[in-house]
Amino acid sequence: MKLGAKNVHVVPAITKKGRPEHIFLIDSEEETLDSLAEFMALET
């Protein structure tokens, strides 16, 4: 949100072999897409 996301939803999910994961749905303007993607890559 600080980096400019308009809204963030996180959905818990189960992947193959019963592994937990989180699905991040991030609403943003096109101008902030690169910084948000870079943040997710570096942090997660």
All heavy atoms as atom14 arrays in JSON, in Angstrom:
{
  "sequence": "MKLGAKNVHVVPAITKKGRPEHIFLIDSEEETLDSLAEFMALET",
  "atom14_mask": [
    [1, 1, 1, 1, 1, 1, 1, 1, 0, 0, 0, 0, 0, 0],
    [1, 1, 1, 1, 1, 1, 1, 1, 1, 0, 0, 0, 0, 0],
    [1, 1, 1, 1, 1, 1, 1, 1, 0, 0, 0, 0, 0, 0],
    [1, 1, 1, 1, 0, 0, 0, 0, 0, 0, 0, 0, 0, 0],
    [1, 1, 1, 1, 1, 0, 0, 0, 0, 0, 0, 0, 0, 0],
    [1, 1, 1, 1, 1, 1, 1, 1, 1, 0, 0, 0, 0, 0],
    [1, 1, 1, 1, 1, 1, 1, 1, 0, 0, 0, 0, 0, 0],
    [1, 1, 1, 1, 1, 1, 1, 0, 0, 0, 0, 0, 0, 0],
    [1, 1, 1, 1, 1, 1, 1, 1, 1, 1, 0, 0, 0, 0],
    [1, 1, 1, 1, 1, 1, 1, 0, 0, 0, 0, 0, 0, 0],
    [1, 1, 1, 1, 1, 1, 1, 0, 0, 0, 0, 0, 0, 0],
    [1, 1, 1, 1, 1, 1, 1, 0, 0, 0, 0, 0, 0, 0],
    [1, 1, 1, 1, 1, 0, 0, 0, 0, 0, 0, 0, 0, 0],
    [1, 1, 1, 1, 1, 1, 1, 1, 0, 0, 0, 0, 0, 0],
    [1, 1, 1, 1, 1, 1, 1, 0, 0, 0, 0, 0, 0, 0],
    [1, 1, 1, 1, 1, 1, 1, 1, 1, 0, 0, 0, 0, 0],
    [1, 1, 1, 1, 1, 1, 1, 1, 1, 0, 0, 0, 0, 0],
    [1, 1, 1, 1, 0, 0, 0, 0, 0, 0, 0, 0, 0, 0],
    [1, 1, 1, 1, 1, 1, 1, 1, 1, 1, 1, 0, 0, 0],
    [1, 1, 1, 1, 1, 1, 1, 0, 0, 0, 0, 0, 0, 0],
    [1, 1, 1, 1, 1, 1, 1, 1, 1, 0, 0, 0, 0, 0],
    [1, 1, 1, 1, 1, 1, 1, 1, 1, 1, 0, 0, 0, 0],
    [1, 1, 1, 1, 1, 1, 1, 1, 0, 0, 0, 0, 0, 0],
    [1, 1, 1, 1, 1, 1, 1, 1, 1, 1, 1, 0, 0, 0],
    [1, 1, 1, 1, 1, 1, 1, 1, 0, 0, 0, 0, 0, 0],
    [1, 1, 1, 1, 1, 1, 1, 1, 0, 0, 0, 0, 0, 0],
    [1, 1, 1, 1, 1, 1, 1, 1, 0, 0, 0, 0, 0, 0],
    [1, 1, 1, 1, 1, 1, 0, 0, 0, 0, 0, 0, 0, 0],
    [1, 1, 1, 1, 1, 1, 1, 1, 1, 0, 0, 0, 0, 0],
    [1, 1, 1, 1, 1, 1, 1, 1, 1, 0, 0, 0, 0, 0],
    [1, 1, 1, 1, 1, 1, 1, 1, 1, 0, 0, 0, 0, 0],
    [1, 1, 1, 1, 1, 1, 1, 0, 0, 0, 0, 0, 0, 0],
    [1, 1, 1, 1, 1, 1, 1, 1, 0, 0, 0, 0, 0, 0],
    [1, 1, 1, 1, 1, 1, 1, 1, 0, 0, 0, 0, 0, 0],
    [1, 1, 1, 1, 1, 1, 0, 0, 0, 0, 0, 0, 0, 0],
    [1, 1, 1, 1, 1, 1, 1, 1, 0, 0, 0, 0, 0, 0],
    [1, 1, 1, 1, 1, 0, 0, 0, 0, 0, 0, 0, 0, 0],
    [1, 1, 1, 1, 1, 1, 1, 1, 1, 0, 0, 0, 0, 0],
    [1, 1, 1, 1, 1, 1, 1, 1, 1, 1, 1, 0, 0, 0],
    [1, 1, 1, 1, 1, 1, 1, 1, 0, 0, 0, 0, 0, 0],
    [1, 1, 1, 1, 1, 0, 0, 0, 0, 0, 0, 0, 0, 0],
    [1, 1, 1, 1, 1, 1, 1, 1, 0, 0, 0, 0, 0, 0],
    [1, 1, 1, 1, 1, 1, 1, 1, 1, 0, 0, 0, 0, 0],
    [1, 1, 1, 1, 1, 1, 1, 0, 0, 0, 0, 0, 0, 0]
  ],
  "atom14_positions": [
    [[0.83, -1.2, 0.0], [0.0, 0.0, 0.0], [0.87, 1.26, 0.0], [0.57, 2.22, -0.71], [-0.95, 0.0, 1.2], [-1.97, -1.13, 1.19], [-3.1, -1.13, -0.2], [-4.12, 0.28, 0.21], [0.0, 0.0, 0.0], [0.0, 0.0, 0.0], [0.0, 0.0, 0.0], [0.0, 0.0, 0.0], [0.0, 0.0, 0.0], [0.0, 0.0, 0.0]],
    [[1.96, 1.25, 0.75], [2.88, 2.4, 0.77], [3.5, 2.63, -0.6], [3.8, 3.77, -0.97], [4.0, 2.17, 1.79], [3.56, 2.33, 3.22], [4.75, 2.09, 4.15], [4.36, 2.07, 5.6], [5.5, 1.73, 6.48], [0.0, 0.0, 0.0], [0.0, 0.0, 0.0], [0.0, 0.0, 0.0], [0.0, 0.0, 0.0], [0.0, 0.0, 0.0]],
    [[3.71, 1.55, -1.35], [4.33, 1.66, -2.67], [3.33, 2.05, -3.76], [3.7, 2.18, -4.92], [5.0, 0.34, -3.05], [6.28, 0.01, -2.29], [6.72, -1.42, -2.57], [7.38, 0.99, -2.67], [0.0, 0.0, 0.0], [0.0, 0.0, 0.0], [0.0, 0.0, 0.0], [0.0, 0.0, 0.0], [0.0, 0.0, 0.0], [0.0, 0.0, 0.0]],
    [[2.06, 2.2, -3.39], [1.1, 2.69, -4.37], [0.01, 1.72, -4.77], [-0.77, 2.03, -5.68], [0.0, 0.0, 0.0], [0.0, 0.0, 0.0], [0.0, 0.0, 0.0], [0.0, 0.0, 0.0], [0.0, 0.0, 0.0], [0.0, 0.0, 0.0], [0.0, 0.0, 0.0], [0.0, 0.0, 0.0], [0.0, 0.0, 0.0], [0.0, 0.0, 0.0]],
    [[-0.06, 0.56, -4.15], [-1.16, -0.36, -4.47], [-2.47, 0.29, -4.06], [-2.57, 0.93, -3.03], [-0.97, -1.68, -3.73], [0.0, 0.0, 0.0], [0.0, 0.0, 0.0], [0.0, 0.0, 0.0], [0.0, 0.0, 0.0], [0.0, 0.0, 0.0], [0.0, 0.0, 0.0], [0.0, 0.0, 0.0], [0.0, 0.0, 0.0], [0.0, 0.0, 0.0]],
    [[-3.48, 0.15, -4.89], [-4.8, 0.7, -4.58], [-5.55, -0.19, -3.6], [-6.33, 0.28, -2.79], [-5.64, 0.85, -5.86], [-5.03, 1.78, -6.88], [-5.1, 3.2, -6.38], [-4.56, 4.13, -7.45], [-4.39, 5.49, -6.95], [0.0, 0.0, 0.0], [0.0, 0.0, 0.0], [0.0, 0.0, 0.0], [0.0, 0.0, 0.0], [0.0, 0.0, 0.0]],
    [[-5.31, -1.5, -3.68], [-5.97, -2.46, -2.82], [-5.17, -3.74, -2.87], [-4.56, -4.07, -3.89], [-7.4, -2.72, -3.31], [-8.32, -3.16, -2.21], [-7.87, -3.55, -1.13], [-9.6, -3.13, -2.48], [0.0, 0.0, 0.0], [0.0, 0.0, 0.0], [0.0, 0.0, 0.0], [0.0, 0.0, 0.0], [0.0, 0.0, 0.0], [0.0, 0.0, 0.0]],
    [[-5.16, -4.48, -1.76], [-4.45, -5.76, -1.71], [-5.36, -6.78, -1.04], [-5.9, -6.52, 0.04], [-3.13, -5.64, -0.91], [-2.42, -6.99, -0.85], [-2.21, -4.58, -1.5], [0.0, 0.0, 0.0], [0.0, 0.0, 0.0], [0.0, 0.0, 0.0], [0.0, 0.0, 0.0], [0.0, 0.0, 0.0], [0.0, 0.0, 0.0], [0.0, 0.0, 0.0]],
    [[-5.52, -7.91, -1.68], [-6.25, -9.03, -1.11], [-5.3, -10.21, -1.05], [-4.55, -10.46, -2.01], [-7.46, -9.42, -1.96], [-8.5, -8.37, -2.03], [-9.46, -8.2, -1.08], [-8.71, -7.41, -2.96], [-10.23, -7.19, -1.41], [-9.8, -6.68, -2.55], [0.0, 0.0, 0.0], [0.0, 0.0, 0.0], [0.0, 0.0, 0.0], [0.0, 0.0, 0.0]],
    [[-5.32, -10.94, 0.04], [-4.5, -12.13, 0.17], [-5.42, -13.3, 0.49], [-6.16, -13.26, 1.48], [-3.42, -11.96, 1.27], [-2.55, -13.21, 1.35], [-2.57, -10.73, 0.99], [0.0, 0.0, 0.0], [0.0, 0.0, 0.0], [0.0, 0.0, 0.0], [0.0, 0.0, 0.0], [0.0, 0.0, 0.0], [0.0, 0.0, 0.0], [0.0, 0.0, 0.0]],
    [[-5.35, -14.32, -0.34], [-6.23, -15.48, -0.2], [-5.37, -16.68, 0.18], [-4.43, -17.03, -0.55], [-6.97, -15.77, -1.53], [-7.89, -16.95, -1.38], [-7.72, -14.53, -2.0], [0.0, 0.0, 0.0], [0.0, 0.0, 0.0], [0.0, 0.0, 0.0], [0.0, 0.0, 0.0], [0.0, 0.0, 0.0], [0.0, 0.0, 0.0], [0.0, 0.0, 0.0]],
    [[-5.68, -17.33, 1.3], [-4.94, -18.55, 1.63], [-5.39, -19.68, 0.71], [-6.56, -19.76, 0.32], [-5.34, -18.83, 3.08], [-6.64, -18.16, 3.26], [-6.66, -16.98, 2.32], [0.0, 0.0, 0.0], [0.0, 0.0, 0.0], [0.0, 0.0, 0.0], [0.0, 0.0, 0.0], [0.0, 0.0, 0.0], [0.0, 0.0, 0.0], [0.0, 0.0, 0.0]],
    [[-4.44, -20.52, 0.34], [-4.76, -21.61, -0.59], [-3.91, -22.84, -0.25], [-2.97, -22.76, 0.53], [-4.5, -21.17, -2.03], [0.0, 0.0, 0.0], [0.0, 0.0, 0.0], [0.0, 0.0, 0.0], [0.0, 0.0, 0.0], [0.0, 0.0, 0.0], [0.0, 0.0, 0.0], [0.0, 0.0, 0.0], [0.0, 0.0, 0.0], [0.0, 0.0, 0.0]],
    [[-4.27, -23.94, -0.85], [-3.53, -25.19, -0.7], [-3.04, -25.61, -2.09], [-3.82, -25.65, -3.04], [-4.42, -26.3, -0.1], [-5.01, -25.86, 1.23], [-3.65, -27.6, 0.02], [-4.0, -25.69, 2.34], [0.0, 0.0, 0.0], [0.0, 0.0, 0.0], [0.0, 0.0, 0.0], [0.0, 0.0, 0.0], [0.0, 0.0, 0.0], [0.0, 0.0, 0.0]],
    [[-1.77, -25.93, -2.2], [-1.19, -26.34, -3.49], [-1.07, -27.86, -3.52], [-1.55, -28.56, -2.63], [0.19, -25.7, -3.69], [1.09, -26.22, -2.72], [0.13, -24.2, -3.59], [0.0, 0.0, 0.0], [0.0, 0.0, 0.0], [0.0, 0.0, 0.0], [0.0, 0.0, 0.0], [0.0, 0.0, 0.0], [0.0, 0.0, 0.0], [0.0, 0.0, 0.0]],
    [[-0.35, -28.33, -4.52], [-0.17, -29.78, -4.63], [0.49, -30.33, -3.37], [1.24, -29.63, -2.69], [0.65, -30.12, -5.87], [2.06, -29.54, -5.86], [2.77, -29.85, -7.15], [4.14, -29.18, -7.11], [4.85, -29.3, -8.34], [0.0, 0.0, 0.0], [0.0, 0.0, 0.0], [0.0, 0.0, 0.0], [0.0, 0.0, 0.0], [0.0, 0.0, 0.0]],
    [[0.2, -31.53, -3.07], [0.71, -32.24, -1.9], [0.32, -31.56, -0.59], [0.98, -31.71, 0.43], [2.23, -32.41, -1.97], [2.68, -33.21, -3.19], [4.17, -33.4, -3.2], [4.58, -34.15, -4.47], [6.04, -34.32, -4.54], [0.0, 0.0, 0.0], [0.0, 0.0, 0.0], [0.0, 0.0, 0.0], [0.0, 0.0, 0.0], [0.0, 0.0, 0.0]],
    [[-0.77, -30.75, -0.63], [-1.28, -30.13, 0.58], [-0.45, -29.0, 1.16], [-0.59, -28.65, 2.32], [0.0, 0.0, 0.0], [0.0, 0.0, 0.0], [0.0, 0.0, 0.0], [0.0, 0.0, 0.0], [0.0, 0.0, 0.0], [0.0, 0.0, 0.0], [0.0, 0.0, 0.0], [0.0, 0.0, 0.0], [0.0, 0.0, 0.0], [0.0, 0.0, 0.0]],
    [[0.38, -28.4, 0.36], [1.23, -27.31, 0.84], [0.45, -25.99, 0.89], [-0.27, -25.67, -0.05], [2.45, -27.15, -0.07], [3.35, -28.34, -0.07], [4.55, -28.1, -0.98], [5.37, -29.3, -1.02], [5.87, -29.82, -2.13], [5.64, -29.23, -3.29], [6.6, -30.9, -2.08], [0.0, 0.0, 0.0], [0.0, 0.0, 0.0], [0.0, 0.0, 0.0]],
    [[0.63, -25.22, 1.96], [-0.07, -23.93, 2.05], [0.62, -22.86, 1.19], [1.83, -22.9, 0.99], [0.02, -23.57, 3.52], [1.26, -24.25, 3.99], [1.37, -25.52, 3.18], [0.0, 0.0, 0.0], [0.0, 0.0, 0.0], [0.0, 0.0, 0.0], [0.0, 0.0, 0.0], [0.0, 0.0, 0.0], [0.0, 0.0, 0.0], [0.0, 0.0, 0.0]],
    [[-0.17, -21.93, 0.7], [0.36, -20.78, -0.03], [-0.58, -19.61, 0.15], [-1.69, -19.76, 0.68], [0.54, -21.09, -1.52], [-0.73, -21.07, -2.31], [-0.51, -21.13, -3.81], [0.63, -21.04, -4.28], [-1.5, -21.25, -4.54], [0.0, 0.0, 0.0], [0.0, 0.0, 0.0], [0.0, 0.0, 0.0], [0.0, 0.0, 0.0], [0.0, 0.0, 0.0]],
    [[-0.12, -18.44, -0.28], [-0.95, -17.23, -0.26], [-1.0, -16.69, -1.69], [0.02, -16.6, -2.36], [-0.34, -16.17, 0.66], [-0.3, -16.59, 2.09], [0.75, -17.29, 2.63], [-1.19, -16.41, 3.08], [0.5, -17.51, 3.9], [-0.67, -17.0, 4.2], [0.0, 0.0, 0.0], [0.0, 0.0, 0.0], [0.0, 0.0, 0.0], [0.0, 0.0, 0.0]],
    [[-2.21, -16.35, -2.13], [-2.38, -15.73, -3.44], [-2.59, -14.24, -3.2], [-3.54, -13.84, -2.54], [-3.57, -16.34, -4.2], [-3.37, -17.85, -4.37], [-3.76, -15.64, -5.54], [-4.59, -18.57, -4.89], [0.0, 0.0, 0.0], [0.0, 0.0, 0.0], [0.0, 0.0, 0.0], [0.0, 0.0, 0.0], [0.0, 0.0, 0.0], [0.0, 0.0, 0.0]],
    [[-1.69, -13.43, -3.72], [-1.77, -11.98, -3.57], [-2.43, -11.4, -4.81], [-1.96, -11.6, -5.93], [-0.36, -11.37, -3.43], [0.22, -11.52, -2.06], [0.76, -12.73, -1.65], [0.23, -10.45, -1.18], [1.3, -12.87, -0.39], [0.77, -10.59, 0.09], [1.31, -11.8, 0.49], [0.0, 0.0, 0.0], [0.0, 0.0, 0.0], [0.0, 0.0, 0.0]],
    [[-3.52, -10.68, -4.59], [-4.21, -9.95, -5.65], [-4.01, -8.47, -5.36], [-4.49, -7.96, -4.35], [-5.7, -10.3, -5.67], [-6.0, -11.78, -5.85], [-7.43, -12.09, -5.49], [-5.69, -12.21, -7.26], [0.0, 0.0, 0.0], [0.0, 0.0, 0.0], [0.0, 0.0, 0.0], [0.0, 0.0, 0.0], [0.0, 0.0, 0.0], [0.0, 0.0, 0.0]],
    [[-3.27, -7.8, -6.21], [-2.84, -6.43, -5.96], [-3.4, -5.53, -7.06], [-3.06, -5.69, -8.23], [-1.3, -6.33, -5.93], [-0.74, -7.33, -4.92], [-0.86, -4.91, -5.64], [0.73, -7.62, -5.1], [0.0, 0.0, 0.0], [0.0, 0.0, 0.0], [0.0, 0.0, 0.0], [0.0, 0.0, 0.0], [0.0, 0.0, 0.0], [0.0, 0.0, 0.0]],
    [[-4.25, -4.59, -6.69], [-4.78, -3.6, -7.63], [-3.81, -2.43, -7.68], [-3.44, -1.9, -6.63], [-6.15, -3.08, -7.19], [-7.21, -4.17, -7.17], [-7.02, -5.18, -7.87], [-8.21, -4.0, -6.47], [0.0, 0.0, 0.0], [0.0, 0.0, 0.0], [0.0, 0.0, 0.0], [0.0, 0.0, 0.0], [0.0, 0.0, 0.0], [0.0, 0.0, 0.0]],
    [[-3.44, -2.02, -8.88], [-2.52, -0.89, -8.99], [-2.68, -0.2, -10.33], [-3.24, -0.75, -11.28], [-1.07, -1.35, -8.83], [-0.63, -2.04, -9.98], [0.0, 0.0, 0.0], [0.0, 0.0, 0.0], [0.0, 0.0, 0.0], [0.0, 0.0, 0.0], [0.0, 0.0, 0.0], [0.0, 0.0, 0.0], [0.0, 0.0, 0.0], [0.0, 0.0, 0.0]],
    [[-2.15, 0.99, -10.37], [-2.04, 1.7, -11.64], [-0.84, 1.14, -12.39], [0.09, 0.59, -11.78], [-1.86, 3.21, -11.4], [-2.99, 3.86, -10.64], [-4.29, 3.91, -11.43], [-4.23, 3.91, -12.66], [-5.35, 3.94, -10.79], [0.0, 0.0, 0.0], [0.0, 0.0, 0.0], [0.0, 0.0, 0.0], [0.0, 0.0, 0.0], [0.0, 0.0, 0.0]],
    [[-0.83, 1.31, -13.69], [0.28, 0.8, -14.5], [1.63, 1.41, -14.09], [2.66, 0.75, -14.15], [0.0, 1.06, -15.98], [0.93, 0.32, -16.89], [0.52, 0.41, -18.35], [-0.65, 0.68, -18.63], [1.41, 0.21, -19.2], [0.0, 0.0, 0.0], [0.0, 0.0, 0.0], [0.0, 0.0, 0.0], [0.0, 0.0, 0.0], [0.0, 0.0, 0.0]],
    [[1.59, 2.65, -13.63], [2.83, 3.36, -13.26], [3.54, 2.72, -12.06], [4.75, 2.86, -11.91], [2.54, 4.83, -12.93], [1.98, 5.64, -14.08], [0.48, 5.42, -14.28], [-0.25, 5.21, -13.29], [0.06, 5.46, -15.44], [0.0, 0.0, 0.0], [0.0, 0.0, 0.0], [0.0, 0.0, 0.0], [0.0, 0.0, 0.0], [0.0, 0.0, 0.0]],
    [[2.81, 2.06, -11.18], [3.42, 1.48, -9.98], [3.68, -0.03, -10.12], [4.22, -0.64, -9.2], [2.53, 1.72, -8.74], [1.24, 1.15, -8.98], [2.4, 3.19, -8.44], [0.0, 0.0, 0.0], [0.0, 0.0, 0.0], [0.0, 0.0, 0.0], [0.0, 0.0, 0.0], [0.0, 0.0, 0.0], [0.0, 0.0, 0.0], [0.0, 0.0, 0.0]],
    [[3.33, -0.6, -11.25], [3.46, -2.04, -11.44], [4.89, -2.53, -11.24], [5.13, -3.52, -10.54], [2.95, -2.43, -12.83], [2.99, -3.9, -13.2], [2.15, -4.71, -12.23], [2.51, -4.09, -14.62], [0.0, 0.0, 0.0], [0.0, 0.0, 0.0], [0.0, 0.0, 0.0], [0.0, 0.0, 0.0], [0.0, 0.0, 0.0], [0.0, 0.0, 0.0]],
    [[5.86, -1.86, -11.82], [7.25, -2.31, -11.71], [7.75, -2.31, -10.26], [8.38, -3.28, -9.82], [8.18, -1.44, -12.57], [8.02, -1.72, -14.05], [7.53, -2.81, -14.41], [8.38, -0.85, -14.85], [0.0, 0.0, 0.0], [0.0, 0.0, 0.0], [0.0, 0.0, 0.0], [0.0, 0.0, 0.0], [0.0, 0.0, 0.0], [0.0, 0.0, 0.0]],
    [[7.47, -1.25, -9.53], [7.95, -1.19, -8.15], [7.26, -2.22, -7.26], [7.89, -2.82, -6.38], [7.8, 0.21, -7.57], [6.44, 0.59, -7.52], [0.0, 0.0, 0.0], [0.0, 0.0, 0.0], [0.0, 0.0, 0.0], [0.0, 0.0, 0.0], [0.0, 0.0, 0.0], [0.0, 0.0, 0.0], [0.0, 0.0, 0.0], [0.0, 0.0, 0.0]],
    [[5.98, -2.48, -7.5], [5.26, -3.49, -6.72], [5.78, -4.89, -7.04], [5.99, -5.7, -6.13], [3.76, -3.4, -7.01], [3.07, -2.12, -6.54], [1.65, -2.04, -7.08], [3.06, -2.01, -5.03], [0.0, 0.0, 0.0], [0.0, 0.0, 0.0], [0.0, 0.0, 0.0], [0.0, 0.0, 0.0], [0.0, 0.0, 0.0], [0.0, 0.0, 0.0]],
    [[6.02, -5.18, -8.3], [6.55, -6.49, -8.69], [7.95, -6.69, -8.14], [8.28, -7.78, -7.63], [6.55, -6.62, -10.21], [0.0, 0.0, 0.0], [0.0, 0.0, 0.0], [0.0, 0.0, 0.0], [0.0, 0.0, 0.0], [0.0, 0.0, 0.0], [0.0, 0.0, 0.0], [0.0, 0.0, 0.0], [0.0, 0.0, 0.0], [0.0, 0.0, 0.0]],
    [[8.77, -5.66, -8.19], [10.12, -5.76, -7.65], [10.09, -6.01, -6.14], [10.84, -6.85, -5.62], [10.9, -4.47, -7.94], [12.32, -4.48, -7.44], [13.06, -3.19, -7.73], [12.55, -2.35, -8.51], [14.15, -3.02, -7.17], [0.0, 0.0, 0.0], [0.0, 0.0, 0.0], [0.0, 0.0, 0.0], [0.0, 0.0, 0.0], [0.0, 0.0, 0.0]],
    [[9.21, -5.31, -5.44], [9.08, -5.51, -4.0], [8.69, -6.96, -3.7], [9.27, -7.6, -2.82], [8.03, -4.55, -3.43], [7.69, -4.84, -2.0], [8.54, -4.42, -0.99], [6.54, -5.54, -1.66], [8.25, -4.69, 0.35], [6.23, -5.81, -0.35], [7.09, -5.39, 0.67], [0.0, 0.0, 0.0], [0.0, 0.0, 0.0], [0.0, 0.0, 0.0]],
    [[7.7, -7.49, -4.42], [7.27, -8.88, -4.17], [8.4, -9.86, -4.45], [8.58, -10.83, -3.72], [6.04, -9.22, -5.01], [4.76, -8.55, -4.54], [4.31, -8.94, -2.83], [3.79, -10.65, -2.99], [0.0, 0.0, 0.0], [0.0, 0.0, 0.0], [0.0, 0.0, 0.0], [0.0, 0.0, 0.0], [0.0, 0.0, 0.0], [0.0, 0.0, 0.0]],
    [[9.17, -9.62, -5.49], [10.29, -10.51, -5.8], [11.36, -10.47, -4.7], [11.84, -11.51, -4.25], [10.91, -10.11, -7.14], [0.0, 0.0, 0.0], [0.0, 0.0, 0.0], [0.0, 0.0, 0.0], [0.0, 0.0, 0.0], [0.0, 0.0, 0.0], [0.0, 0.0, 0.0], [0.0, 0.0, 0.0], [0.0, 0.0, 0.0], [0.0, 0.0, 0.0]],
    [[11.69, -9.26, -4.24], [12.73, -9.13, -3.22], [12.27, -9.65, -1.85], [13.04, -10.29, -1.13], [13.16, -7.67, -3.1], [13.89, -7.09, -4.3], [14.09, -5.59, -4.13], [15.23, -7.79, -4.5], [0.0, 0.0, 0.0], [0.0, 0.0, 0.0], [0.0, 0.0, 0.0], [0.0, 0.0, 0.0], [0.0, 0.0, 0.0], [0.0, 0.0, 0.0]],
    [[11.05, -9.38, -1.48], [10.56, -9.74, -0.14], [10.1, -11.19, -0.03], [10.18, -11.76, 1.05], [9.41, -8.82, 0.27], [9.84, -7.41, 0.57], [10.67, -7.29, 1.84], [10.42, -8.03, 2.81], [11.57, -6.44, 1.86], [0.0, 0.0, 0.0], [0.0, 0.0, 0.0], [0.0, 0.0, 0.0], [0.0, 0.0, 0.0], [0.0, 0.0, 0.0]],
    [[9.6, -11.76, -1.11], [9.02, -13.1, -1.01], [9.73, -14.14, -1.86], [9.46, -15.33, -1.71], [7.54, -13.08, -1.45], [7.47, -12.84, -2.86], [6.74, -12.06, -0.68], [0.0, 0.0, 0.0], [0.0, 0.0, 0.0], [0.0, 0.0, 0.0], [0.0, 0.0, 0.0], [0.0, 0.0, 0.0], [0.0, 0.0, 0.0], [0.0, 0.0, 0.0]]
  ]
}
